[in-house]
């Protein structure tokens, strides 16, 4: 990941939403968010694989965002905020990767049935 690959302009919403975090924490979050936007640009989606050797730190960050989101939803202590949720959703972040994969496979099955008349 080079400096040339990074988006030149940080999202104002992303910078402003991180005021409750220490500067190094906020900058680290923004760095990973920018990596996510590069991934999206290259792949057309934000469904970063759990095992992503090209950028294992991004894969780990995405996993942590999902975990923190679950804690936030359960009203437990979390580093997730409403602002971060909005920022991530604005770029098409996938909160439930299992459901997204299930839906994708269902669509494939329905297309197969349409082409072949059955699922057998």
Protein backbone atom coordinates (compact mmCIF):
# COMPACT_ATOMS: atom_id res chain seq x y z
CA UNK A 1 0.00 0.00 0.00
CA UNK A 2 1.70 3.16 -1.14
CA UNK A 3 0.96 6.80 -0.47
CA UNK A 4 -0.13 7.14 -4.11
CA UNK A 5 -2.91 4.56 -3.58
CA UNK A 6 -4.49 6.52 -0.74
CA UNK A 7 -7.33 8.88 -1.38
CA UNK A 8 -5.91 12.41 -1.25
CA UNK A 9 -8.75 13.93 0.76
CA UNK A 10 -9.93 12.52 4.08
CA UNK A 11 -13.65 12.49 4.62
CA UNK A 12 -14.58 15.52 6.72
CA UNK A 13 -17.32 13.42 8.31
CA UNK A 14 -14.75 10.74 9.21
CA UNK A 15 -12.36 13.29 10.76
CA UNK A 16 -15.10 15.08 12.70
CA UNK A 17 -16.63 11.90 14.07
CA UNK A 18 -13.43 10.82 15.74
CA UNK A 19 -13.15 13.69 18.23
CA UNK A 20 -13.74 11.45 21.25
CA UNK A 21 -10.71 9.28 20.41
CA UNK A 22 -7.04 9.94 21.01
CA UNK A 23 -5.32 11.33 17.92
CA UNK A 24 -3.35 8.16 17.18
CA UNK A 25 -6.53 6.04 17.50
CA UNK A 26 -8.46 8.34 15.18
CA UNK A 27 -5.65 8.40 12.62
CA UNK A 28 -5.34 4.61 12.70
CA UNK A 29 -9.11 4.26 12.12
CA UNK A 30 -8.98 6.72 9.23
CA UNK A 31 -5.99 4.88 7.71
CA UNK A 32 -7.92 1.60 7.71
CA UNK A 33 -11.06 3.31 6.45
CA UNK A 34 -9.05 4.73 3.54
CA UNK A 35 -7.70 1.22 2.84
CA UNK A 36 -11.31 -0.01 2.80
CA UNK A 37 -12.25 2.63 0.22
CA UNK A 38 -9.31 1.53 -1.95
CA UNK A 39 -10.47 -2.10 -1.61
CA UNK A 40 -13.98 -1.03 -2.65
CA UNK A 41 -12.67 0.87 -5.66
CA UNK A 42 -10.65 -2.16 -6.78
CA UNK A 43 -13.30 -4.83 -6.04
CA UNK A 44 -16.63 -3.04 -6.36
CA UNK A 45 -17.72 -3.96 -2.82
CA UNK A 46 -16.66 -3.77 0.84
CA UNK A 47 -16.88 -7.48 1.63
CA UNK A 48 -13.26 -7.92 2.68
CA UNK A 49 -12.50 -11.64 3.07
CA UNK A 50 -11.76 -12.87 6.60
CA UNK A 51 -8.53 -14.30 5.24
CA UNK A 52 -7.12 -11.57 3.00
CA UNK A 53 -3.36 -12.11 2.57
CA UNK A 54 -2.94 -8.96 0.45
CA UNK A 55 -3.84 -6.85 3.49
CA UNK A 56 -4.32 -8.91 6.63
CA UNK A 57 -4.45 -5.77 8.81
CA UNK A 58 -7.47 -4.53 6.80
CA UNK A 59 -9.15 -7.91 7.22
CA UNK A 60 -8.57 -7.73 10.98
CA UNK A 61 -9.84 -4.16 11.14
CA UNK A 62 -13.04 -5.09 9.27
CA UNK A 63 -13.57 -8.00 11.66
CA UNK A 64 -13.12 -5.66 14.65
CA UNK A 65 -15.61 -3.15 13.19
CA UNK A 66 -18.20 -5.93 12.89
CA UNK A 67 -17.53 -7.07 16.46
CA UNK A 68 -17.70 -3.52 17.84
CA UNK A 69 -20.94 -2.97 15.92
CA UNK A 70 -22.50 -6.04 17.58
CA UNK A 71 -21.46 -4.73 21.01
CA UNK A 72 -22.89 -1.30 20.13
CA UNK A 73 -26.19 -2.88 19.06
CA UNK A 74 -26.39 -4.70 22.40
CA UNK A 75 -25.72 -1.42 24.26
CA UNK A 76 -22.43 -2.80 25.60
CA UNK A 77 -19.15 -0.92 25.87
CA UNK A 78 -17.86 -0.39 22.35
CA UNK A 79 -15.59 1.85 20.33
CA UNK A 80 -18.27 1.95 17.63
CA UNK A 81 -20.20 5.20 17.31
CA UNK A 82 -23.25 6.29 15.36
CA UNK A 83 -20.98 8.46 13.25
CA UNK A 84 -18.66 5.57 12.40
CA UNK A 85 -21.65 3.40 11.52
CA UNK A 86 -22.92 6.10 9.17
CA UNK A 87 -19.49 6.59 7.60
CA UNK A 88 -19.08 2.85 7.00
CA UNK A 89 -22.61 2.43 5.67
CA UNK A 90 -22.07 5.34 3.29
CA UNK A 91 -19.40 3.30 1.49
CA UNK A 92 -21.42 0.07 1.54
CA UNK A 93 -19.81 -1.68 4.50
CA UNK A 94 -21.12 -5.23 5.02
CA UNK A 95 -21.96 -5.78 8.69
CA UNK A 96 -22.98 -9.44 8.37
CA UNK A 97 -20.63 -11.20 5.98
CA UNK A 98 -22.33 -14.57 6.51
CA UNK A 99 -25.73 -13.22 5.49
CA UNK A 100 -24.23 -11.43 2.48
CA UNK A 101 -22.55 -14.65 1.31
CA UNK A 102 -25.76 -16.63 1.91
CA UNK A 103 -27.78 -14.17 -0.18
CA UNK A 104 -25.18 -14.29 -2.95
CA UNK A 105 -25.33 -18.09 -3.06
CA UNK A 106 -29.15 -18.01 -3.01
CA UNK A 107 -29.11 -15.72 -6.06
CA UNK A 108 -26.76 -18.13 -7.81
CA UNK A 109 -29.10 -21.04 -7.00
CA UNK A 110 -32.14 -19.13 -8.28
CA UNK A 111 -30.28 -18.29 -11.49
CA UNK A 112 -29.30 -21.97 -11.88
CA UNK A 113 -32.93 -23.04 -11.39
CA UNK A 114 -34.07 -20.49 -13.96
CA UNK A 115 -31.57 -21.80 -16.52
CA UNK A 116 -31.99 -25.54 -15.81
CA UNK A 117 -35.60 -25.82 -14.55
CA UNK A 118 -34.68 -27.35 -11.17
CA UNK A 119 -32.04 -27.27 -8.47
CA UNK A 120 -31.01 -30.90 -8.96
